Amino acid sequence: MDLNEPVASGKRDKRSGLREVMEWVQAILIAVVLAFLIRGFIFEQAMVEGSSMDNTLHNNQRLIIYKLGYYFSPPERRDIIILEYKQGMFKYLPFPDPDEVDYIKRVIAIPGDVVDINGDGYVYVNGERLKEPYVKGVTAPNGMVFPITIPEKKVFVLGDNREYSSDSRQIGLIDFDRIRGKAVYRIFPFKDWGTLYDNLK
């Protein structure tokens, strides 16, 4: 007899529907975990706010930050980095932490370097004047006493817009563990798409 067939078919449909829901839940969970891992350890998007990195970066431009590299090698001179100025509540959220404040600056000197800003408008590292085609304005000491020697696990950073930047001259040297990653690409607006280091060639 086929009297029970609709009931059996209904059970199969329910099981099939439940299996589909579970597959969707699994896919969503995997996506969330991947988002945490990618944002926490590999890539992140950041937006430029303000003018401290003019003329290299401008207000509202969006960047890709590569975070994995500094796990294997230290920052280098001229790297553009994202540094943690004020820590948020959650470090590895897959979306921006509203309590966290990050700065975008350029690494000028690394451990062992001697930095001097003597008032002539230029920066000297290890006795040599830096060639800085990216700089806007003149570089003043801004109250910091030079020369200084950069200790281990710290870097000296400046904004490219030297007259309108809060950087190591005001906030001090930056510990390695405050560096969140290296800015590698400008992705928005689309007309500005490209690497951030063409001007160093």
C-alpha atoms as a PDB file:
ATOM      1  CA  MET A   1       0.000   0.000   0.000  1.00  0.00           C
ATOM      2  CA  ASP A   2       1.123   3.561  -0.708  1.00  0.00           C
ATOM      3  CA  LEU A   3      -0.884   5.165   2.129  1.00  0.00           C
ATOM      4  CA  ASN A   4       2.234   5.916   4.189  1.00  0.00           C
ATOM      5  CA  GLU A   5       4.291   7.247   1.294  1.00  0.00           C
ATOM      6  CA  PRO A   6       3.380  10.937   1.790  1.00  0.00           C
ATOM      7  CA  VAL A   7       4.388  10.693   5.459  1.00  0.00           C
ATOM      8  CA  ALA A   8       7.739   9.127   4.630  1.00  0.00           C
ATOM      9  CA  SER A   9       8.318  11.718   1.912  1.00  0.00           C
ATOM     10  CA  GLY A  10       7.531  14.489   4.368  1.00  0.00           C
ATOM     11  CA  LYS A  11      10.085  13.137   6.821  1.00  0.00           C
ATOM     12  CA  ARG A  12      12.681  13.024   4.101  1.00  0.00           C
ATOM     13  CA  ASP A  13      11.858  16.615   3.142  1.00  0.00           C
ATOM     14  CA  LYS A  14      12.252  17.738   6.762  1.00  0.00           C
ATOM     15  CA  ARG A  15      15.592  15.975   7.094  1.00  0.00           C
ATOM     16  CA  SER A  16      16.744  17.485   3.828  1.00  0.00           C
ATOM     17  CA  GLY A  17      15.671  20.947   4.958  1.00  0.00           C
ATOM     18  CA  LEU A  18      17.436  20.563   8.311  1.00  0.00           C
ATOM     19  CA  ARG A  19      20.590  19.382   6.584  1.00  0.00           C
ATOM     20  CA  GLU A  20      20.511  22.442   4.306  1.00  0.00           C
ATOM     21  CA  VAL A  21      20.098  24.772   7.300  1.00  0.00           C
ATOM     22  CA  MET A  22      23.027  23.115   9.063  1.00  0.00           C
ATOM     23  CA  GLU A  23      25.184  23.486   5.960  1.00  0.00           C
ATOM     24  CA  TRP A  24      24.373  27.209   5.855  1.00  0.00           C
ATOM     25  CA  VAL A  25      25.190  27.583   9.568  1.00  0.00           C
ATOM     26  CA  GLN A  26      28.474  25.759   9.039  1.00  0.00           C
ATOM     27  CA  ALA A  27      29.367  27.979   6.068  1.00  0.00           C
ATOM     28  CA  ILE A  28      28.585  31.132   8.074  1.00  0.00           C
ATOM     29  CA  LEU A  29      30.681  29.960  11.020  1.00  0.00           C
ATOM     30  CA  ILE A  30      33.614  29.182   8.728  1.00  0.00           C
ATOM     31  CA  ALA A  31      33.291  32.629   7.126  1.00  0.00           C
ATOM     32  CA  VAL A  32      33.287  34.316  10.549  1.00  0.00           C
ATOM     33  CA  VAL A  33      36.361  32.373  11.688  1.00  0.00           C
ATOM     34  CA  LEU A  34      38.179  33.233   8.464  1.00  0.00           C
ATOM     35  CA  ALA A  35      37.245  36.898   8.884  1.00  0.00           C
ATOM     36  CA  PHE A  36      38.758  36.864  12.391  1.00  0.00           C
ATOM     37  CA  LEU A  37      41.938  35.182  11.152  1.00  0.00           C
ATOM     38  CA  ILE A  38      42.359  37.414   8.106  1.00  0.00           C
ATOM     39  CA  ARG A  39      41.734  40.658   9.972  1.00  0.00           C
ATOM     40  CA  GLY A  40      43.708  39.581  12.997  1.00  0.00           C
ATOM     41  CA  PHE A  41      46.803  38.250  11.282  1.00  0.00           C
ATOM     42  CA  ILE A  42      46.948  38.829   7.501  1.00  0.00           C
ATOM     43  CA  PHE A  43      45.129  41.723   5.820  1.00  0.00           C
ATOM     44  CA  GLU A  44      43.002  44.614   6.950  1.00  0.00           C
ATOM     45  CA  GLN A  45      41.448  47.679   5.374  1.00  0.00           C
ATOM     46  CA  ALA A  46      42.106  51.126   6.844  1.00  0.00           C
ATOM     47  CA  MET A  47      40.913  54.620   6.035  1.00  0.00           C
ATOM     48  CA  VAL A  48      43.100  57.719   6.128  1.00  0.00           C
ATOM     49  CA  GLU A  49      41.743  60.458   8.361  1.00  0.00           C
ATOM     50  CA  GLY A  50      43.349  63.883   8.298  1.00  0.00           C
ATOM     51  CA  SER A  51      46.274  65.442   6.448  1.00  0.00           C
ATOM     52  CA  SER A  52      49.343  64.241   8.381  1.00  0.00           C
ATOM     53  CA  MET A  53      50.499  62.017   5.497  1.00  0.00           C
ATOM     54  CA  ASP A  54      49.997  64.527   2.651  1.00  0.00           C
ATOM     55  CA  ASN A  55      51.106  64.377  -0.124  1.00  0.00           C
ATOM     56  CA  THR A  56      51.514  60.601  -0.070  1.00  0.00           C
ATOM     57  CA  LEU A  57      48.110  59.842   1.438  1.00  0.00           C
ATOM     58  CA  HIS A  58      45.010  61.994   1.586  1.00  0.00           C
ATOM     59  CA  ASN A  59      41.936  62.195   3.755  1.00  0.00           C
ATOM     60  CA  ASN A  60      39.358  59.428   3.120  1.00  0.00           C
ATOM     61  CA  GLN A  61      41.654  57.266   1.014  1.00  0.00           C
ATOM     62  CA  ARG A  62      41.393  53.561   1.784  1.00  0.00           C
ATOM     63  CA  LEU A  63      44.389  51.285   2.199  1.00  0.00           C
ATOM     64  CA  ILE A  64      45.217  47.601   2.436  1.00  0.00           C
ATOM     65  CA  ILE A  65      47.326  46.779   5.485  1.00  0.00           C
ATOM     66  CA  TYR A  66      49.523  43.689   5.428  1.00  0.00           C
ATOM     67  CA  LYS A  67      49.917  42.399   8.973  1.00  0.00           C
ATOM     68  CA  LEU A  68      51.718  39.090   8.601  1.00  0.00           C
ATOM     69  CA  GLY A  69      55.082  40.435   7.422  1.00  0.00           C
ATOM     70  CA  TYR A  70      56.207  41.880  10.741  1.00  0.00           C
ATOM     71  CA  TYR A  71      55.820  38.484  12.387  1.00  0.00           C
ATOM     72  CA  PHE A  72      58.846  37.361  10.362  1.00  0.00           C
ATOM     73  CA  SER A  73      60.950  40.505   9.935  1.00  0.00           C
ATOM     74  CA  PRO A  74      61.137  43.889  11.667  1.00  0.00           C
ATOM     75  CA  PRO A  75      59.954  47.187  10.172  1.00  0.00           C
ATOM     76  CA  GLU A  76      62.279  48.885   7.719  1.00  0.00           C
ATOM     77  CA  ARG A  77      63.050  52.522   7.063  1.00  0.00           C
ATOM     78  CA  ARG A  78      60.420  54.231   4.888  1.00  0.00           C
ATOM     79  CA  ASP A  79      57.728  51.654   5.630  1.00  0.00           C
ATOM     80  CA  ILE A  80      54.314  53.244   6.053  1.00  0.00           C
ATOM     81  CA  ILE A  81      52.817  51.637   9.124  1.00  0.00           C
ATOM     82  CA  ILE A  82      49.605  51.546  11.084  1.00  0.00           C
ATOM     83  CA  LEU A  83      50.370  52.000  14.761  1.00  0.00           C
ATOM     84  CA  GLU A  84      48.087  51.625  17.718  1.00  0.00           C
ATOM     85  CA  TYR A  85      47.842  54.966  19.511  1.00  0.00           C
ATOM     86  CA  LYS A  86      44.913  54.054  21.758  1.00  0.00           C
ATOM     87  CA  GLN A  87      43.995  50.422  22.376  1.00  0.00           C
ATOM     88  CA  GLY A  88      40.397  49.312  21.925  1.00  0.00           C
ATOM     89  CA  MET A  89      38.547  46.684  23.932  1.00  0.00           C
ATOM     90  CA  PHE A  90      38.868  43.934  21.327  1.00  0.00           C
ATOM     91  CA  LYS A  91      42.057  43.464  19.309  1.00  0.00           C
ATOM     92  CA  TYR A  92      40.947  40.920  16.693  1.00  0.00           C
ATOM     93  CA  LEU A  93      37.419  41.928  15.770  1.00  0.00           C
ATOM     94  CA  PRO A  94      36.552  41.308  12.089  1.00  0.00           C
ATOM     95  CA  PHE A  95      35.320  44.914  12.005  1.00  0.00           C
ATOM     96  CA  PRO A  96      36.845  48.170  13.340  1.00  0.00           C
ATOM     97  CA  ASP A  97      36.821  48.603  17.108  1.00  0.00           C
ATOM     98  CA  PRO A  98      35.176  51.988  17.791  1.00  0.00           C
ATOM     99  CA  ASP A  99      37.379  52.530  20.866  1.00  0.00           C
ATOM    100  CA  GLU A 100      40.676  51.989  19.054  1.00  0.00           C
ATOM    101  CA  VAL A 101      42.672  54.912  17.646  1.00  0.00           C
ATOM    102  CA  ASP A 102      45.339  54.174  15.040  1.00  0.00           C
ATOM    103  CA  TYR A 103      47.876  56.477  13.411  1.00  0.00           C
ATOM    104  CA  ILE A 104      49.401  56.164   9.941  1.00  0.00           C
ATOM    105  CA  LYS A 105      53.070  57.186   9.893  1.00  0.00           C
ATOM    106  CA  ARG A 106      56.334  56.503   8.103  1.00  0.00           C
ATOM    107  CA  VAL A 107      59.251  54.679   9.730  1.00  0.00           C
ATOM    108  CA  ILE A 108      62.273  56.970   9.636  1.00  0.00           C
ATOM    109  CA  ALA A 109      64.702  55.149  11.908  1.00  0.00           C
ATOM    110  CA  ILE A 110      65.036  51.626  13.281  1.00  0.00           C
ATOM    111  CA  PRO A 111      66.926  50.149  16.267  1.00  0.00           C
ATOM    112  CA  GLY A 112      70.547  51.272  16.391  1.00  0.00           C
ATOM    113  CA  ASP A 113      70.021  54.357  14.199  1.00  0.00           C
ATOM    114  CA  VAL A 114      70.968  57.824  15.386  1.00  0.00           C
ATOM    115  CA  VAL A 115      68.401  60.449  14.396  1.00  0.00           C
ATOM    116  CA  ASP A 116      69.084  64.182  14.289  1.00  0.00           C
ATOM    117  CA  ILE A 117      66.731  67.036  13.438  1.00  0.00           C
ATOM    118  CA  ASN A 118      68.810  70.131  13.944  1.00  0.00           C
ATOM    119  CA  GLY A 119      66.513  72.900  12.766  1.00  0.00           C
ATOM    120  CA  ASP A 120      67.644  73.221   9.144  1.00  0.00           C
ATOM    121  CA  GLY A 121      64.425  71.567   7.948  1.00  0.00           C
ATOM    122  CA  TYR A 122      65.881  68.126   7.235  1.00  0.00           C
ATOM    123  CA  VAL A 123      66.264  64.749   8.950  1.00  0.00           C
ATOM    124  CA  TYR A 124      69.631  63.094   9.431  1.00  0.00           C
ATOM    125  CA  VAL A 125      70.054  59.384  10.150  1.00  0.00           C
ATOM    126  CA  ASN A 126      73.491  58.070  11.094  1.00  0.00           C
ATOM    127  CA  GLY A 127      75.022  61.355   9.992  1.00  0.00           C
ATOM    128  CA  GLU A 128      73.504  61.385   6.499  1.00  0.00           C
ATOM    129  CA  ARG A 129      70.712  63.669   5.358  1.00  0.00           C
ATOM    130  CA  LEU A 130      67.722  61.653   4.199  1.00  0.00           C
ATOM    131  CA  LYS A 131      66.467  61.991   0.668  1.00  0.00           C
ATOM    132  CA  GLU A 132      62.722  62.282   1.177  1.00  0.00           C
ATOM    133  CA  PRO A 133      60.808  63.032  -2.038  1.00  0.00           C
ATOM    134  CA  TYR A 134      57.534  62.328  -0.213  1.00  0.00           C
ATOM    135  CA  VAL A 135      57.879  65.135   2.366  1.00  0.00           C
ATOM    136  CA  LYS A 136      55.602  68.168   2.503  1.00  0.00           C
ATOM    137  CA  GLY A 137      56.909  71.159   4.457  1.00  0.00           C
ATOM    138  CA  VAL A 138      60.021  71.439   6.595  1.00  0.00           C
ATOM    139  CA  THR A 139      60.945  69.170   9.484  1.00  0.00           C
ATOM    140  CA  ALA A 140      61.356  70.878  12.860  1.00  0.00           C
ATOM    141  CA  PRO A 141      62.337  69.299  16.212  1.00  0.00           C
ATOM    142  CA  ASN A 142      59.012  70.369  17.769  1.00  0.00           C
ATOM    143  CA  GLY A 143      60.448  70.309  21.264  1.00  0.00           C
ATOM    144  CA  MET A 144      62.158  66.923  21.075  1.00  0.00           C
ATOM    145  CA  VAL A 145      65.857  66.922  21.989  1.00  0.00           C
ATOM    146  CA  PHE A 146      68.136  65.509  19.290  1.00  0.00           C
ATOM    147  CA  PRO A 147      70.210  63.554  18.416  1.00  0.00           C
ATOM    148  CA  ILE A 148      68.683  60.353  19.770  1.00  0.00           C
ATOM    149  CA  THR A 149      69.654  56.706  19.393  1.00  0.00           C
ATOM    150  CA  ILE A 150      66.809  54.292  18.697  1.00  0.00           C
ATOM    151  CA  PRO A 151      66.782  51.412  21.213  1.00  0.00           C
ATOM    152  CA  GLU A 152      65.878  47.799  20.520  1.00  0.00           C
ATOM    153  CA  LYS A 153      62.287  46.968  19.585  1.00  0.00           C
ATOM    154  CA  LYS A 154      61.396  50.593  18.833  1.00  0.00           C
ATOM    155  CA  VAL A 155      61.124  52.820  15.761  1.00  0.00           C
ATOM    156  CA  PHE A 156      61.078  56.553  15.141  1.00  0.00           C
ATOM    157  CA  VAL A 157      58.164  57.656  12.948  1.00  0.00           C
ATOM    158  CA  LEU A 158      57.124  60.879  11.228  1.00  0.00           C
ATOM    159  CA  GLY A 159      54.183  61.957   9.133  1.00  0.00           C
ATOM    160  CA  ASP A 160      55.014  63.022   5.578  1.00  0.00           C
ATOM    161  CA  ASN A 161      53.271  66.362   6.157  1.00  0.00           C
ATOM    162  CA  ARG A 162      55.923  67.443   8.618  1.00  0.00           C
ATOM    163  CA  GLU A 163      54.327  70.682   9.782  1.00  0.00           C
ATOM    164  CA  TYR A 164      50.935  69.086  10.534  1.00  0.00           C
ATOM    165  CA  SER A 165      51.716  65.705  12.029  1.00  0.00           C
ATOM    166  CA  SER A 166      51.588  64.259  15.522  1.00  0.00           C
ATOM    167  CA  ASP A 167      54.377  61.683  15.468  1.00  0.00           C
ATOM    168  CA  SER A 168      57.433  60.555  17.426  1.00  0.00           C
ATOM    169  CA  ARG A 169      58.344  64.187  18.072  1.00  0.00           C
ATOM    170  CA  GLN A 170      55.217  64.398  20.261  1.00  0.00           C
ATOM    171  CA  ILE A 171      54.168  60.841  21.145  1.00  0.00           C
ATOM    172  CA  GLY A 172      57.636  59.308  21.475  1.00  0.00           C
ATOM    173  CA  LEU A 173      59.227  56.221  19.997  1.00  0.00           C
ATOM    174  CA  ILE A 174      56.943  53.382  18.924  1.00  0.00           C
ATOM    175  CA  ASP A 175      57.264  49.901  20.380  1.00  0.00           C
ATOM    176  CA  PHE A 176      57.212  47.044  17.879  1.00  0.00           C
ATOM    177  CA  ASP A 177      54.168  45.546  19.592  1.00  0.00           C
ATOM    178  CA  ARG A 178      52.158  48.701  18.831  1.00  0.00           C
ATOM    179  CA  ILE A 179      52.693  48.281  15.082  1.00  0.00           C
ATOM    180  CA  ARG A 180      49.616  46.679  13.539  1.00  0.00           C
ATOM    181  CA  GLY A 181      50.892  46.297   9.991  1.00  0.00           C
ATOM    182  CA  LYS A 182      52.383  47.807   6.873  1.00  0.00           C
ATOM    183  CA  ALA A 183      50.294  49.838   4.445  1.00  0.00           C
ATOM    184  CA  VAL A 184      50.939  48.340   1.009  1.00  0.00           C
ATOM    185  CA  TYR A 185      48.188  49.432  -1.402  1.00  0.00           C
ATOM    186  CA  ARG A 186      45.866  52.345  -1.916  1.00  0.00           C
ATOM    187  CA  ILE A 187      42.534  50.934  -3.114  1.00  0.00           C
ATOM    188  CA  PHE A 188      40.143  53.913  -2.999  1.00  0.00           C
ATOM    189  CA  PRO A 189      39.415  56.186  -4.720  1.00  0.00           C
ATOM    190  CA  PHE A 190      39.937  53.980  -7.735  1.00  0.00           C
ATOM    191  CA  LYS A 191      41.840  56.672  -9.647  1.00  0.00           C
ATOM    192  CA  ASP A 192      44.557  56.461  -6.974  1.00  0.00           C
ATOM    193  CA  TRP A 193      44.776  52.657  -6.950  1.00  0.00           C
ATOM    194  CA  GLY A 194      48.323  51.351  -6.603  1.00  0.00           C
ATOM    195  CA  THR A 195      51.330  50.696  -4.415  1.00  0.00           C
ATOM    196  CA  LEU A 196      52.439  53.286  -1.876  1.00  0.00           C
ATOM    197  CA  TYR A 197      56.114  53.018  -2.647  1.00  0.00           C
ATOM    198  CA  ASP A 198      56.443  54.199  -6.260  1.00  0.00           C
ATOM    199  CA  ASN A 199      57.692  57.574  -5.055  1.00  0.00           C
ATOM    200  CA  LEU A 200      60.713  55.967  -3.434  1.00  0.00           C
ATOM    201  CA  LYS A 201      62.232  54.625  -6.653  1.00  0.00           C
END
